[in-house]
Amino acid sequence: MGGTGNMGDRVIIGLILLLILASVASLSMGAIQIPAKNLGSLFLHKMGLTDQAGFSAQEEAVLFGLRMPRLLLGILIGATLSV
């Protein structure tokens, strides 16, 4: 049956989209709220593509010093445990 491979692809794509949504929520929520619209600006600033605009130094420190390492470690551990 040729349709079963297509269903598996849809499940994988759905799970990847769910991971992206959960990641954005995880990076945005906390004691210091970082609006989801500022996340893109923070990433572009960190890569040196834009000047600082629309976010504070505190938001940048919290995102890249605390939340991003925790998120990446959680994804890595989850992927390791799934194998």
Protein backbone atom coordinates (compact mmCIF):
# COMPACT_ATOMS: atom_id res chain seq x y z
CA MET A 1 0.00 0.00 0.00
CA GLY A 2 1.54 3.25 -1.15
CA GLY A 3 -0.44 5.46 1.24
CA THR A 4 1.20 4.33 4.47
CA GLY A 5 4.50 6.10 3.75
CA ASN A 6 2.64 9.34 3.14
CA MET A 7 0.86 9.05 6.49
CA GLY A 8 4.18 8.54 8.27
CA ASP A 9 5.57 11.64 6.59
CA ARG A 10 2.58 13.66 7.77
CA VAL A 11 3.08 12.46 11.33
CA ILE A 12 6.76 13.44 11.28
CA ILE A 13 5.96 16.88 9.84
CA GLY A 14 3.24 17.37 12.46
CA LEU A 15 5.61 16.43 15.27
CA ILE A 16 8.29 18.81 13.97
CA LEU A 17 5.73 21.64 13.83
CA LEU A 18 4.64 20.81 17.37
CA LEU A 19 8.28 20.92 18.52
CA ILE A 20 8.73 24.34 16.91
CA LEU A 21 5.57 25.72 18.56
CA ALA A 22 6.54 24.30 21.95
CA SER A 23 10.04 25.75 21.56
CA VAL A 24 8.72 29.24 20.81
CA ALA A 25 6.39 29.00 23.80
CA SER A 26 9.24 27.79 26.02
CA LEU A 27 11.52 30.63 24.94
CA SER A 28 8.79 33.26 25.42
CA MET A 29 7.32 32.29 28.80
CA GLY A 30 8.85 32.75 32.21
CA ALA A 31 9.37 35.29 34.96
CA ILE A 32 10.66 37.68 32.31
CA GLN A 33 8.22 37.63 29.40
CA ILE A 34 9.85 37.84 25.96
CA PRO A 35 7.25 38.42 23.25
CA ALA A 36 7.42 35.90 20.41
CA LYS A 37 7.86 38.75 17.92
CA ASN A 38 11.09 39.78 19.69
CA LEU A 39 12.63 36.31 19.40
CA GLY A 40 13.40 36.81 15.71
CA SER A 41 14.98 40.21 16.41
CA LEU A 42 17.11 38.72 19.18
CA PHE A 43 18.37 35.88 16.96
CA LEU A 44 19.16 38.26 14.08
CA HIS A 45 21.00 40.58 16.50
CA LYS A 46 22.99 37.67 17.93
CA MET A 47 24.08 36.67 14.41
CA GLY A 48 25.15 40.26 13.73
CA LEU A 49 22.57 40.90 11.02
CA THR A 50 20.71 43.76 12.76
CA ASP A 51 21.28 46.42 15.38
CA GLN A 52 19.61 46.19 18.76
CA ALA A 53 16.01 47.29 18.43
CA GLY A 54 12.86 46.44 20.33
CA PHE A 55 14.36 44.36 23.13
CA SER A 56 16.39 44.92 26.28
CA ALA A 57 19.81 43.60 27.25
CA GLN A 58 18.07 41.69 30.06
CA GLU A 59 15.87 39.83 27.57
CA GLU A 60 18.94 38.95 25.51
CA ALA A 61 20.81 37.66 28.57
CA VAL A 62 17.86 35.56 29.75
CA LEU A 63 17.22 34.09 26.30
CA PHE A 64 20.80 33.14 25.41
CA GLY A 65 22.11 32.53 28.93
CA LEU A 66 19.26 30.47 30.37
CA ARG A 67 16.37 29.53 28.12
CA MET A 68 18.17 28.58 24.90
CA PRO A 69 20.69 26.24 26.57
CA ARG A 70 17.90 24.54 28.53
CA LEU A 71 15.77 24.15 25.41
CA LEU A 72 18.60 22.71 23.32
CA LEU A 73 19.63 20.35 26.11
CA GLY A 74 16.03 19.16 26.52
CA ILE A 75 15.71 18.51 22.78
CA LEU A 76 19.04 16.68 22.73
CA ILE A 77 18.17 14.50 25.74
CA GLY A 78 14.71 13.75 24.33
CA ALA A 79 16.20 12.72 20.98
CA THR A 80 18.78 10.55 22.74
CA LEU A 81 16.16 8.78 24.83
CA SER A 82 14.00 8.12 21.78
CA VAL A 83 16.66 6.04 20.06
